[in-house]
Structures are given as C-alpha cells and as structure tokens.
PDB file of N, CA and C in Angstrom:
ATOM      1  N   MET A   1      -3.055  16.536   4.044  1.00  0.00           N
ATOM      2  CA  MET A   1      -3.769  15.691   3.298  1.00  0.00           C
ATOM      3  C   MET A   1      -4.321  14.792   3.939  1.00  0.00           C
ATOM      4  N   SER A   2      -3.948  14.296   5.216  1.00  0.00           N
ATOM      5  CA  SER A   2      -4.856  13.232   5.591  1.00  0.00           C
ATOM      6  C   SER A   2      -6.357  13.250   6.145  1.00  0.00           C
ATOM      7  N   SER A   3      -6.547  14.285   5.995  1.00  0.00           N
ATOM      8  CA  SER A   3      -8.223  14.448   5.862  1.00  0.00           C
ATOM      9  C   SER A   3      -9.130  14.261   4.636  1.00  0.00           C
ATOM     10  N   GLU A   4      -8.053  14.003   3.368  1.00  0.00           N
ATOM     11  CA  GLU A   4      -8.245  14.278   2.174  1.00  0.00           C
ATOM     12  C   GLU A   4      -8.208  12.733   1.930  1.00  0.00           C
ATOM     13  N   VAL A   5      -8.041  11.735   2.396  1.00  0.00           N
ATOM     14  CA  VAL A   5      -7.694  10.333   1.691  1.00  0.00           C
ATOM     15  C   VAL A   5      -8.703   9.975   2.597  1.00  0.00           C
ATOM     16  N   ARG A   6      -9.408   9.100   1.399  1.00  0.00           N
ATOM     17  CA  ARG A   6     -10.250   8.373   1.989  1.00  0.00           C
ATOM     18  C   ARG A   6     -10.683   7.194   1.352  1.00  0.00           C
ATOM     19  N   PRO A   7      -9.839   6.151   2.396  1.00  0.00           N
ATOM     20  CA  PRO A   7      -9.936   4.835   2.017  1.00  0.00           C
ATOM     21  C   PRO A   7     -11.136   3.804   1.892  1.00  0.00           C
ATOM     22  N   GLN A   8     -11.135   3.199   0.513  1.00  0.00           N
ATOM     23  CA  GLN A   8     -12.597   2.524   0.422  1.00  0.00           C
ATOM     24  C   GLN A   8     -12.902   1.443   1.586  1.00  0.00           C
ATOM     25  N   ARG A   9     -13.789   1.019   1.511  1.00  0.00           N
ATOM     26  CA  ARG A   9     -13.673   0.252   2.681  1.00  0.00           C
ATOM     27  C   ARG A   9     -14.401  -1.387   2.013  1.00  0.00           C
ATOM     28  N   LYS A  10     -15.267  -1.360   1.325  1.00  0.00           N
ATOM     29  CA  LYS A  10     -15.422  -2.374   0.205  1.00  0.00           C
ATOM     30  C   LYS A  10     -14.322  -3.201  -0.511  1.00  0.00           C
ATOM     31  N   SER A  11     -14.540  -4.334  -0.553  1.00  0.00           N
ATOM     32  CA  SER A  11     -13.941  -5.527  -1.401  1.00  0.00           C
ATOM     33  C   SER A  11     -13.401  -5.100  -2.749  1.00  0.00           C
ATOM     34  N   PHE A  12     -12.306  -4.979  -2.849  1.00  0.00           N
ATOM     35  CA  PHE A  12     -12.121  -4.637  -4.505  1.00  0.00           C
ATOM     36  C   PHE A  12     -10.692  -5.426  -4.792  1.00  0.00           C
ATOM     37  N   THR A  13     -10.712  -5.580  -6.355  1.00  0.00           N
ATOM     38  CA  THR A  13      -9.291  -6.471  -6.458  1.00  0.00           C
ATOM     39  C   THR A  13      -7.933  -5.620  -7.360  1.00  0.00           C
ATOM     40  N   ALA A  14      -6.863  -6.353  -7.451  1.00  0.00           N
ATOM     41  CA  ALA A  14      -5.497  -5.275  -7.513  1.00  0.00           C
ATOM     42  C   ALA A  14      -4.666  -6.837  -8.246  1.00  0.00           C
ATOM     43  N   GLY A  15      -5.025  -6.622  -9.338  1.00  0.00           N
ATOM     44  CA  GLY A  15      -4.462  -7.613 -10.171  1.00  0.00           C
ATOM     45  C   GLY A  15      -4.820  -9.114 -10.049  1.00  0.00           C
ATOM     46  N   ASP A  16      -4.448  -9.975  -9.113  1.00  0.00           N
ATOM     47  CA  ASP A  16      -5.012 -11.257  -9.553  1.00  0.00           C
ATOM     48  C   ASP A  16      -5.685 -11.546  -7.575  1.00  0.00           C
ATOM     49  N   TRP A  17      -5.063 -10.353  -7.042  1.00  0.00           N
ATOM     50  CA  TRP A  17      -5.452 -10.312  -5.668  1.00  0.00           C
ATOM     51  C   TRP A  17      -6.960  -9.908  -5.302  1.00  0.00           C
ATOM     52  N   ILE A  18      -7.441  -9.973  -4.369  1.00  0.00           N
ATOM     53  CA  ILE A  18      -8.872  -9.946  -4.090  1.00  0.00           C
ATOM     54  C   ILE A  18      -8.498  -9.278  -2.386  1.00  0.00           C
ATOM     55  N   ILE A  19      -8.865  -7.676  -2.227  1.00  0.00           N
ATOM     56  CA  ILE A  19      -8.883  -7.304  -0.781  1.00  0.00           C
ATOM     57  C   ILE A  19      -9.998  -7.052  -0.332  1.00  0.00           C
ATOM     58  N   GLU A  20      -9.735  -7.286   1.259  1.00  0.00           N
ATOM     59  CA  GLU A  20     -10.885  -7.429   1.997  1.00  0.00           C
ATOM     60  C   GLU A  20     -10.812  -6.480   3.202  1.00  0.00           C
ATOM     61  N   PRO A  21     -11.096  -5.208   2.728  1.00  0.00           N
ATOM     62  CA  PRO A  21     -10.436  -4.284   4.284  1.00  0.00           C
ATOM     63  C   PRO A  21     -11.328  -4.619   5.190  1.00  0.00           C
ATOM     64  N   GLU A  22     -12.677  -5.369   5.632  1.00  0.00           N
ATOM     65  CA  GLU A  22     -13.197  -5.458   6.787  1.00  0.00           C
ATOM     66  C   GLU A  22     -12.684  -6.396   7.512  1.00  0.00           C
ATOM     67  N   LEU A  23     -12.068  -7.318   6.719  1.00  0.00           N
ATOM     68  CA  LEU A  23     -11.683  -8.201   7.166  1.00  0.00           C
ATOM     69  C   LEU A  23     -10.483  -8.612   7.463  1.00  0.00           C
ATOM     70  N   ASN A  24      -9.239  -7.266   6.793  1.00  0.00           N
ATOM     71  CA  ASN A  24      -7.712  -7.133   6.919  1.00  0.00           C
ATOM     72  C   ASN A  24      -7.454  -8.468   6.514  1.00  0.00           C
ATOM     73  N   ALA A  25      -8.151  -8.724   5.179  1.00  0.00           N
ATOM     74  CA  ALA A  25      -7.835  -9.816   4.238  1.00  0.00           C
ATOM     75  C   ALA A  25      -7.321  -9.592   3.284  1.00  0.00           C
ATOM     76  N   ILE A  26      -5.732 -10.263   2.563  1.00  0.00           N
ATOM     77  CA  ILE A  26      -5.709 -10.470   1.167  1.00  0.00           C
ATOM     78  C   ILE A  26      -5.996 -11.737   0.678  1.00  0.00           C
ATOM     79  N   LEU A  27      -6.282 -11.651  -0.432  1.00  0.00           N
ATOM     80  CA  LEU A  27      -6.414 -13.241  -0.821  1.00  0.00           C
ATOM     81  C   LEU A  27      -6.514 -13.418  -2.128  1.00  0.00           C
ATOM     82  N   LYS A  28      -5.507 -14.603  -2.717  1.00  0.00           N
ATOM     83  CA  LYS A  28      -5.233 -14.797  -4.420  1.00  0.00           C
ATOM     84  C   LYS A  28      -5.198 -16.599  -3.796  1.00  0.00           C
ATOM     85  N   ASP A  29      -5.946 -17.439  -5.151  1.00  0.00           N
ATOM     86  CA  ASP A  29      -6.100 -18.202  -5.331  1.00  0.00           C
ATOM     87  C   ASP A  29      -6.359 -19.214  -4.474  1.00  0.00           C
ATOM     88  N   GLY A  30      -7.217 -19.104  -3.566  1.00  0.00           N
ATOM     89  CA  GLY A  30      -7.791 -19.869  -2.673  1.00  0.00           C
ATOM     90  C   GLY A  30      -7.220 -19.417  -1.235  1.00  0.00           C
ATOM     91  N   HIS A  31      -5.795 -19.071  -1.375  1.00  0.00           N
ATOM     92  CA  HIS A  31      -5.074 -18.580  -0.076  1.00  0.00           C
ATOM     93  C   HIS A  31      -5.568 -17.207   0.231  1.00  0.00           C
ATOM     94  N   GLU A  32      -5.758 -17.166   1.600  1.00  0.00           N
ATOM     95  CA  GLU A  32      -6.158 -15.869   2.784  1.00  0.00           C
ATOM     96  C   GLU A  32      -4.908 -15.703   3.515  1.00  0.00           C
ATOM     97  N   TRP A  33      -4.380 -14.731   3.906  1.00  0.00           N
ATOM     98  CA  TRP A  33      -3.792 -13.662   4.563  1.00  0.00           C
ATOM     99  C   TRP A  33      -4.405 -12.461   5.181  1.00  0.00           C
ATOM    100  N   HIS A  34      -4.599 -12.667   6.338  1.00  0.00           N
ATOM    101  CA  HIS A  34      -4.740 -11.433   7.213  1.00  0.00           C
ATOM    102  C   HIS A  34      -3.434 -10.532   8.109  1.00  0.00           C
ATOM    103  N   VAL A  35      -3.891  -9.523   7.760  1.00  0.00           N
ATOM    104  CA  VAL A  35      -2.916  -8.543   8.078  1.00  0.00           C
ATOM    105  C   VAL A  35      -3.748  -7.677   9.387  1.00  0.00           C
ATOM    106  N   GLU A  36      -2.457  -7.228  10.198  1.00  0.00           N
ATOM    107  CA  GLU A  36      -2.659  -6.356  11.056  1.00  0.00           C
ATOM    108  C   GLU A  36      -3.595  -5.062  10.569  1.00  0.00           C
ATOM    109  N   PRO A  37      -4.474  -4.519  11.037  1.00  0.00           N
ATOM    110  CA  PRO A  37      -5.080  -3.381  10.474  1.00  0.00           C
ATOM    111  C   PRO A  37      -4.771  -1.920  10.227  1.00  0.00           C
ATOM    112  N   LYS A  38      -2.998  -1.564  10.808  1.00  0.00           N
ATOM    113  CA  LYS A  38      -2.458  -0.461  10.562  1.00  0.00           C
ATOM    114  C   LYS A  38      -1.843  -1.176   9.115  1.00  0.00           C
ATOM    115  N   VAL A  39      -1.088  -2.401   8.383  1.00  0.00           N
ATOM    116  CA  VAL A  39      -0.735  -2.226   7.560  1.00  0.00           C
ATOM    117  C   VAL A  39      -2.125  -2.684   6.608  1.00  0.00           C
ATOM    118  N   MET A  40      -3.182  -3.058   6.715  1.00  0.00           N
ATOM    119  CA  MET A  40      -4.167  -2.942   5.727  1.00  0.00           C
ATOM    120  C   MET A  40      -4.585  -1.321   5.407  1.00  0.00           C
ATOM    121  N   GLN A  41      -4.748  -0.533   6.326  1.00  0.00           N
ATOM    122  CA  GLN A  41      -4.899   1.112   6.149  1.00  0.00           C
ATOM    123  C   GLN A  41      -3.787   1.242   5.253  1.00  0.00           C
ATOM    124  N   VAL A  42      -2.839   1.210   5.346  1.00  0.00           N
ATOM    125  CA  VAL A  42      -1.465   1.934   4.562  1.00  0.00           C
ATOM    126  C   VAL A  42      -1.618   1.289   3.119  1.00  0.00           C
ATOM    127  N   LEU A  43      -2.225   0.026   3.150  1.00  0.00           N
ATOM    128  CA  LEU A  43      -2.633  -0.611   1.427  1.00  0.00           C
ATOM    129  C   LEU A  43      -3.960   0.321   1.212  1.00  0.00           C
ATOM    130  N   LEU A  44      -4.955   0.305   2.258  1.00  0.00           N
ATOM    131  CA  LEU A  44      -5.933   1.467   1.553  1.00  0.00           C
ATOM    132  C   LEU A  44      -5.370   3.015   1.345  1.00  0.00           C
ATOM    133  N   VAL A  45      -4.530   2.867   1.806  1.00  0.00           N
ATOM    134  CA  VAL A  45      -4.316   4.995   1.825  1.00  0.00           C
ATOM    135  C   VAL A  45      -3.917   4.647   0.325  1.00  0.00           C
ATOM    136  N   LEU A  46      -2.968   3.673  -0.236  1.00  0.00           N
ATOM    137  CA  LEU A  46      -1.864   3.790  -1.287  1.00  0.00           C
ATOM    138  C   LEU A  46      -3.247   3.433  -2.646  1.00  0.00           C
ATOM    139  N   ALA A  47      -4.438   2.672  -2.380  1.00  0.00           N
ATOM    140  CA  ALA A  47      -5.519   2.366  -2.961  1.00  0.00           C
ATOM    141  C   ALA A  47      -6.449   3.307  -3.504  1.00  0.00           C
ATOM    142  N   SER A  48      -6.266   4.199  -2.564  1.00  0.00           N
ATOM    143  CA  SER A  48      -7.853   5.417  -2.564  1.00  0.00           C
ATOM    144  C   SER A  48      -7.051   6.071  -3.866  1.00  0.00           C
ATOM    145  N   GLN A  49      -5.774   6.295  -4.269  1.00  0.00           N
ATOM    146  CA  GLN A  49      -5.578   6.948  -5.318  1.00  0.00           C
ATOM    147  C   GLN A  49      -4.504   6.276  -6.436  1.00  0.00           C
ATOM    148  N   PRO A  50      -5.044   5.430  -6.965  1.00  0.00           N
ATOM    149  CA  PRO A  50      -3.905   4.613  -7.791  1.00  0.00           C
ATOM    150  C   PRO A  50      -2.933   5.315  -8.557  1.00  0.00           C
ATOM    151  N   ASP A  51      -1.681   4.938  -8.817  1.00  0.00           N
ATOM    152  CA  ASP A  51      -0.778   5.853  -9.766  1.00  0.00           C
ATOM    153  C   ASP A  51      -0.666   7.351  -8.968  1.00  0.00           C
ATOM    154  N   HIS A  52      -1.273   7.811  -8.002  1.00  0.00           N
ATOM    155  CA  HIS A  52      -0.495   8.904  -7.211  1.00  0.00           C
ATOM    156  C   HIS A  52       0.786   8.676  -6.229  1.00  0.00           C
ATOM    157  N   VAL A  53       1.712   9.025  -6.559  1.00  0.00           N
ATOM    158  CA  VAL A  53       2.656   9.115  -5.411  1.00  0.00           C
ATOM    159  C   VAL A  53       2.597   9.661  -4.237  1.00  0.00           C
ATOM    160  N   PHE A  54       2.555   9.102  -3.110  1.00  0.00           N
ATOM    161  CA  PHE A  54       1.864   9.393  -1.911  1.00  0.00           C
ATOM    162  C   PHE A  54       3.611   9.263  -1.086  1.00  0.00           C
ATOM    163  N   SER A  55       3.546  10.813  -0.199  1.00  0.00           N
ATOM    164  CA  SER A  55       4.744  10.883   0.216  1.00  0.00           C
ATOM    165  C   SER A  55       4.643   9.781   1.985  1.00  0.00           C
ATOM    166  N   LYS A  56       5.469   9.387   2.132  1.00  0.00           N
ATOM    167  CA  LYS A  56       6.045   8.813   3.526  1.00  0.00           C
ATOM    168  C   LYS A  56       4.963   9.807   4.205  1.00  0.00           C
ATOM    169  N   GLU A  57       5.183  11.187   4.748  1.00  0.00           N
ATOM    170  CA  GLU A  57       4.555  11.627   5.399  1.00  0.00           C
ATOM    171  C   GLU A  57       3.131  11.772   5.278  1.00  0.00           C
ATOM    172  N   GLU A  58       2.563  11.875   3.966  1.00  0.00           N
ATOM    173  CA  GLU A  58       1.189  11.811   3.579  1.00  0.00           C
ATOM    174  C   GLU A  58       0.399  10.220   4.481  1.00  0.00           C
ATOM    175  N   ILE A  59       1.477   9.224   4.131  1.00  0.00           N
ATOM    176  CA  ILE A  59       0.895   7.937   4.780  1.00  0.00           C
ATOM    177  C   ILE A  59       0.819   8.078   6.065  1.00  0.00           C
ATOM    178  N   ILE A  60       2.082   8.680   6.646  1.00  0.00           N
ATOM    179  CA  ILE A  60       2.081   7.893   8.358  1.00  0.00           C
ATOM    180  C   ILE A  60       0.950   9.098   9.001  1.00  0.00           C
ATOM    181  N   SER A  61       0.583  10.422   8.056  1.00  0.00           N
ATOM    182  CA  SER A  61      -0.347  11.236   8.710  1.00  0.00           C
ATOM    183  C   SER A  61      -1.743  10.936   8.597  1.00  0.00           C
ATOM    184  N   ALA A  62      -1.623   9.909   7.380  1.00  0.00           N
ATOM    185  CA  ALA A  62      -3.520   9.377   7.402  1.00  0.00           C
ATOM    186  C   ALA A  62      -3.421   8.237   8.136  1.00  0.00           C
ATOM    187  N   VAL A  63      -2.568   7.204   8.358  1.00  0.00           N
ATOM    188  CA  VAL A  63      -2.401   5.940   9.022  1.00  0.00           C
ATOM    189  C   VAL A  63      -2.147   6.048  10.404  1.00  0.00           C
ATOM    190  N   TRP A  64      -1.266   7.084  10.733  1.00  0.00           N
ATOM    191  CA  TRP A  64      -1.376   7.393  12.791  1.00  0.00           C
ATOM    192  C   TRP A  64      -1.546   9.015  12.665  1.00  0.00           C
ATOM    193  N   PRO A  65      -2.907   9.274  12.367  1.00  0.00           N
ATOM    194  CA  PRO A  65      -2.985  10.794  12.838  1.00  0.00           C
ATOM    195  C   PRO A  65      -2.784  10.927  14.300  1.00  0.00           C
ATOM    196  N   ASP A  66      -2.043  12.036  14.440  1.00  0.00           N
ATOM    197  CA  ASP A  66      -2.100  13.229  15.941  1.00  0.00           C
ATOM    198  C   ASP A  66      -0.891  11.858  16.731  1.00  0.00           C
ATOM    199  N   THR A  67      -0.180  10.943  16.057  1.00  0.00           N
ATOM    200  CA  THR A  67       0.507  10.122  16.844  1.00  0.00           C
ATOM    201  C   THR A  67       2.104  10.081  16.428  1.00  0.00           C
ATOM    202  N   PHE A  68       3.432  10.392  16.345  1.00  0.00           N
ATOM    203  CA  PHE A  68       4.950   9.661  16.803  1.00  0.00           C
ATOM    204  C   PHE A  68       4.725   8.498  15.765  1.00  0.00           C
ATOM    205  N   VAL A  69       5.455   8.619  14.722  1.00  0.00           N
ATOM    206  CA  VAL A  69       5.929   6.999  14.526  1.00  0.00           C
ATOM    207  C   VAL A  69       7.072   7.281  13.885  1.00  0.00           C
ATOM    208  N   SER A  70       8.306   6.724  13.591  1.00  0.00           N
ATOM    209  CA  SER A  70       9.257   6.336  12.992  1.00  0.00           C
ATOM    210  C   SER A  70       8.730   6.104  10.987  1.00  0.00           C
ATOM    211  N   GLU A  71       9.341   6.638  10.039  1.00  0.00           N
ATOM    212  CA  GLU A  71       9.253   5.905   8.892  1.00  0.00           C
ATOM    213  C   GLU A  71       9.547   4.370   9.157  1.00  0.00           C
ATOM    214  N   ASP A  72      10.301   3.795   9.978  1.00  0.00           N
ATOM    215  CA  ASP A  72      10.625   2.356   9.972  1.00  0.00           C
ATOM    216  C   ASP A  72       8.815   1.622  10.261  1.00  0.00           C
ATOM    217  N   VAL A  73       8.229   2.267  10.746  1.00  0.00           N
ATOM    218  CA  VAL A  73       6.845   1.435  10.565  1.00  0.00           C
ATOM    219  C   VAL A  73       6.139   1.197   9.385  1.00  0.00           C
ATOM    220  N   LEU A  74       6.244   2.401   8.752  1.00  0.00           N
ATOM    221  CA  LEU A  74       5.729   2.360   7.367  1.00  0.00           C
ATOM    222  C   LEU A  74       6.610   1.619   6.235  1.00  0.00           C
ATOM    223  N   THR A  75       7.956   1.392   6.986  1.00  0.00           N
ATOM    224  CA  THR A  75       8.906   0.155   6.244  1.00  0.00           C
ATOM    225  C   THR A  75       8.097  -0.894   6.269  1.00  0.00           C
ATOM    226  N   ARG A  76       7.765  -1.163   7.750  1.00  0.00           N
ATOM    227  CA  ARG A  76       7.715  -2.357   8.015  1.00  0.00           C
ATOM    228  C   ARG A  76       6.262  -2.811   7.380  1.00  0.00           C
ATOM    229  N   CYS A  77       5.479  -1.805   7.333  1.00  0.00           N
ATOM    230  CA  CYS A  77       4.514  -2.172   7.023  1.00  0.00           C
ATOM    231  C   CYS A  77       4.128  -2.496   4.957  1.00  0.00           C
ATOM    232  N   ILE A  78       5.173  -1.977   4.516  1.00  0.00           N
ATOM    233  CA  ILE A  78       5.119  -1.743   3.126  1.00  0.00           C
ATOM    234  C   ILE A  78       5.855  -3.576   3.059  1.00  0.00           C
ATOM    235  N   SER A  79       6.935  -3.890   3.831  1.00  0.00           N
ATOM    236  CA  SER A  79       7.567  -4.581   3.681  1.00  0.00           C
ATOM    237  C   SER A  79       6.425  -5.785   3.797  1.00  0.00           C
ATOM    238  N   ILE A  80       5.847  -5.812   4.561  1.00  0.00           N
ATOM    239  CA  ILE A  80       4.487  -7.219   4.942  1.00  0.00           C
ATOM    240  C   ILE A  80       3.627  -7.307   3.685  1.00  0.00           C
ATOM    241  N   LEU A  81       3.224  -6.321   3.149  1.00  0.00           N
ATOM    242  CA  LEU A  81       2.283  -6.146   1.658  1.00  0.00           C
ATOM    243  C   LEU A  81       3.491  -6.767   0.955  1.00  0.00           C
ATOM    244  N   ARG A  82       4.805  -6.609   0.367  1.00  0.00           N
ATOM    245  CA  ARG A  82       5.470  -6.711  -0.321  1.00  0.00           C
ATOM    246  C   ARG A  82       5.507  -8.793  -0.103  1.00  0.00           C
ATOM    247  N   ARG A  83       5.983  -8.971   1.189  1.00  0.00           N
ATOM    248  CA  ARG A  83       5.957 -10.198   1.083  1.00  0.00           C
ATOM    249  C   ARG A  83       4.913 -10.910   1.140  1.00  0.00           C
ATOM    250  N   ILE A  84       3.548 -10.608   1.527  1.00  0.00           N
ATOM    251  CA  ILE A  84       2.555 -11.692   0.916  1.00  0.00           C
ATOM    252  C   ILE A  84       2.338 -11.570  -0.082  1.00  0.00           C
ATOM    253  N   THR A  85       2.156 -10.377  -1.195  1.00  0.00           N
ATOM    254  CA  THR A  85       2.181 -10.657  -2.709  1.00  0.00           C
ATOM    255  C   THR A  85       2.829 -10.906  -3.330  1.00  0.00           C
ATOM    256  N   GLY A  86       4.632 -10.832  -2.520  1.00  0.00           N
ATOM    257  CA  GLY A  86       5.494 -11.635  -3.935  1.00  0.00           C
ATOM    258  C   GLY A  86       6.082 -10.467  -4.359  1.00  0.00           C
ATOM    259  N   ASP A  87       5.948  -9.234  -4.145  1.00  0.00           N
ATOM    260  CA  ASP A  87       6.778  -8.068  -4.513  1.00  0.00           C
ATOM    261  C   ASP A  87       7.783  -7.634  -3.970  1.00  0.00           C
ATOM    262  N   LYS A  88       8.230  -7.293  -5.405  1.00  0.00           N
ATOM    263  CA  LYS A  88      10.033  -6.964  -5.216  1.00  0.00           C
ATOM    264  C   LYS A  88      10.451  -5.152  -5.799  1.00  0.00           C
ATOM    265  N   PRO A  89      10.688  -4.622  -4.764  1.00  0.00           N
ATOM    266  CA  PRO A  89      11.026  -3.183  -4.903  1.00  0.00           C
ATOM    267  C   PRO A  89      11.523  -2.950  -6.526  1.00  0.00           C
ATOM    268  N   GLN A  90      12.546  -3.653  -7.184  1.00  0.00           N
ATOM    269  CA  GLN A  90      13.314  -3.861  -8.162  1.00  0.00           C
ATOM    270  C   GLN A  90      12.158  -3.796  -9.449  1.00  0.00           C
ATOM    271  N   THR A  91      11.299  -5.124  -9.147  1.00  0.00           N
ATOM    272  CA  THR A  91      10.744  -4.939 -10.182  1.00  0.00           C
ATOM    273  C   THR A  91       9.213  -5.160  -9.959  1.00  0.00           C
ATOM    274  N   PRO A  92       8.762  -4.073  -9.216  1.00  0.00           N
ATOM    275  CA  PRO A  92       7.468  -3.673  -8.242  1.00  0.00           C
ATOM    276  C   PRO A  92       5.691  -4.203  -9.364  1.00  0.00           C
ATOM    277  N   ARG A  93       4.918  -5.014  -8.561  1.00  0.00           N
ATOM    278  CA  ARG A  93       4.103  -5.324  -9.679  1.00  0.00           C
ATOM    279  C   ARG A  93       2.580  -4.880  -8.555  1.00  0.00           C
ATOM    280  N   PHE A  94       2.930  -4.524  -7.386  1.00  0.00           N
ATOM    281  CA  PHE A  94       1.889  -4.275  -6.205  1.00  0.00           C
ATOM    282  C   PHE A  94       2.315  -2.502  -5.958  1.00  0.00           C
ATOM    283  N   ILE A  95       3.460  -2.335  -5.446  1.00  0.00           N
ATOM    284  CA  ILE A  95       3.682  -1.410  -4.673  1.00  0.00           C
ATOM    285  C   ILE A  95       5.068  -0.907  -5.389  1.00  0.00           C
ATOM    286  N   GLN A  96       5.059   0.473  -6.218  1.00  0.00           N
ATOM    287  CA  GLN A  96       6.392   0.498  -6.653  1.00  0.00           C
ATOM    288  C   GLN A  96       7.098   1.709  -5.299  1.00  0.00           C
ATOM    289  N   THR A  97       8.532   1.857  -4.926  1.00  0.00           N
ATOM    290  CA  THR A  97       9.053   2.894  -4.473  1.00  0.00           C
ATOM    291  C   THR A  97       9.577   3.587  -5.476  1.00  0.00           C
ATOM    292  N   VAL A  98       9.225   5.159  -5.327  1.00  0.00           N
ATOM    293  CA  VAL A  98       9.678   6.396  -5.930  1.00  0.00           C
ATOM    294  C   VAL A  98      10.813   7.069  -5.127  1.00  0.00           C
ATOM    295  N   ARG A  99      11.823   6.575  -5.574  1.00  0.00           N
ATOM    296  CA  ARG A  99      12.994   7.127  -4.773  1.00  0.00           C
ATOM    297  C   ARG A  99      12.701   8.910  -4.272  1.00  0.00           C
ATOM    298  N   GLY A 100      12.861   9.545  -3.138  1.00  0.00           N
ATOM    299  CA  GLY A 100      13.343  10.196  -2.646  1.00  0.00           C
ATOM    300  C   GLY A 100      11.731  10.831  -2.645  1.00  0.00           C
ATOM    301  N   ARG A 101      10.237   9.889  -3.015  1.00  0.00           N
ATOM    302  CA  ARG A 101       9.287  10.789  -3.284  1.00  0.00           C
ATOM    303  C   ARG A 101       8.370  10.095  -2.303  1.00  0.00           C
ATOM    304  N   GLY A 102       8.135   8.709  -2.210  1.00  0.00           N
ATOM    305  CA  GLY A 102       7.268   8.159  -1.417  1.00  0.00           C
ATOM    306  C   GLY A 102       7.302   6.502  -1.952  1.00  0.00           C
ATOM    307  N   TYR A 103       5.433   6.521  -2.043  1.00  0.00           N
ATOM    308  CA  TYR A 103       5.067   4.792  -2.702  1.00  0.00           C
ATOM    309  C   TYR A 103       3.923   5.164  -3.783  1.00  0.00           C
ATOM    310  N   VAL A 104       3.647   4.208  -4.467  1.00  0.00           N
ATOM    311  CA  VAL A 104       2.273   4.034  -5.356  1.00  0.00           C
ATOM    312  C   VAL A 104       2.130   3.184  -5.658  1.00  0.00           C
ATOM    313  N   PHE A 105       1.252   2.972  -5.700  1.00  0.00           N
ATOM    314  CA  PHE A 105      -0.119   1.878  -5.834  1.00  0.00           C
ATOM    315  C   PHE A 105      -0.138   1.615  -7.389  1.00  0.00           C
ATOM    316  N   VAL A 106       0.160   0.317  -7.213  1.00  0.00           N
ATOM    317  CA  VAL A 106       0.305  -0.117  -9.096  1.00  0.00           C
ATOM    318  C   VAL A 106      -0.849  -1.350  -9.404  1.00  0.00           C
ATOM    319  N   PRO A 107      -2.174  -0.790  -9.389  1.00  0.00           N
ATOM    320  CA  PRO A 107      -2.813  -2.215  -8.890  1.00  0.00           C
ATOM    321  C   PRO A 107      -2.825  -2.980  -9.794  1.00  0.00           C
ATOM    322  N   ASP A 108      -2.742  -2.643 -11.432  1.00  0.00           N
ATOM    323  CA  ASP A 108      -2.679  -3.983 -12.371  1.00  0.00           C
ATOM    324  C   ASP A 108      -1.259  -4.569 -12.484  1.00  0.00           C
ATOM    325  N   GLY A 109      -0.189  -4.267 -11.786  1.00  0.00           N
ATOM    326  CA  GLY A 109       0.877  -4.891 -11.928  1.00  0.00           C
ATOM    327  C   GLY A 109       2.218  -4.273 -12.886  1.00  0.00           C
ATOM    328  N   GLU A 110       1.045  -3.004 -13.114  1.00  0.00           N
ATOM    329  CA  GLU A 110       2.133  -2.629 -14.544  1.00  0.00           C
ATOM    330  C   GLU A 110       3.149  -1.058 -13.736  1.00  0.00           C
ATOM    331  N   GLN A 111       4.231  -0.849 -13.859  1.00  0.00           N
ATOM    332  CA  GLN A 111       4.695   0.259 -13.416  1.00  0.00           C
ATOM    333  C   GLN A 111       3.926   1.464 -14.018  1.00  0.00           C
ATOM    334  N   GLY A 112       3.780   2.595 -13.155  1.00  0.00           N
ATOM    335  CA  GLY A 112       3.685   3.929 -13.752  1.00  0.00           C
ATOM    336  C   GLY A 112       4.919   4.576 -14.179  1.00  0.00           C
ATOM    337  N   ASN A 113       4.668   5.974 -14.509  1.00  0.00           N
ATOM    338  CA  ASN A 113       5.503   6.431 -15.246  1.00  0.00           C
ATOM    339  C   ASN A 113       6.022   7.448 -14.346  1.00  0.00           C
ATOM    340  N   HIS A 114       6.783   6.995 -12.859  1.00  0.00           N
ATOM    341  CA  HIS A 114       7.660   7.751 -12.252  1.00  0.00           C
ATOM    342  C   HIS A 114       8.759   7.141 -12.193  1.00  0.00           C
ATOM    343  N   ALA A 115       9.545   7.918 -11.516  1.00  0.00           N
ATOM    344  CA  ALA A 115      11.072   7.821 -11.286  1.00  0.00           C
ATOM    345  C   ALA A 115      11.086   6.365 -10.890  1.00  0.00           C
ATOM    346  N   PRO A 116      12.516   5.476 -11.246  1.00  0.00           N
ATOM    347  CA  PRO A 116      12.862   4.205 -11.187  1.00  0.00           C
ATOM    348  C   PRO A 116      12.892   4.399  -9.456  1.00  0.00           C
ATOM    349  N   ALA A 117      12.500   3.052  -8.882  1.00  0.00           N
ATOM    350  CA  ALA A 117      13.396   2.764  -7.348  1.00  0.00           C
ATOM    351  C   ALA A 117      14.832   2.780  -7.333  1.00  0.00           C
ATOM    352  N   GLY A 118      15.515   2.085  -8.344  1.00  0.00           N
ATOM    353  CA  GLY A 118      16.599   2.260  -8.426  1.00  0.00           C
ATOM    354  C   GLY A 118      17.140   0.632  -7.816  1.00  0.00           C
TER     355      GLY A 118
END
C-alpha cells in the first residue's frame, strides 16, 4: 500500500485549518504551529484519502519505509496533531481512531460511518 499512497504537497484546508506541507505548518486564526516532518507526513497520508480507514501498518510503511518503528511512534504523531488541533479521540473533528483498524481523516469535522473509537 505504501507505494500507492501519494500525499499531496500543496496547501489545503481541513475545516478551519490550513495545512502547509512544504513548511510543515498548520495554521488557524493567525496562529501557526510547526511540526516535525514525520508528523506532517502522517497527516498527509491520512489526508490523501479522506474517509478511508488507514491501518497503522499502512501509515507506518508509508511514512517510515524500510525502517522498523513501533506503533508508539505513530501514536505520538497522532497525539501531536490532536494537541495542536484540540481534537479529542472521544469526539474527533480531525482524526478519528477506528478501534482495531486504524485512523481516518475527517477533514470537515464530521465523523464518518466507521466503528466508534470507544
């Protein structure tokens, strides 16, 4: 799957947020947060197919190809994105956890028809 994931590199919006991939920046209301390149790559993978549930393995292989990393690294990236956006796993408006399956990007702040995060 990693070869099929083609994250975009141009700026885009997700709800009230502006994502600037080339700058590794997330902006809202005149505020700007810079993230590590791998954190941005995780976001770009998820945003490449909104409403698609990406397994943890798919994301890891797309962001860290040919490298062994634990799921903790991915969890940390998701946590950073949630902290910046004020997103909560129980009421996702940006990234939804699909228990037992992975993560899904919900760009307009509306949960998809996926299994609840719990």
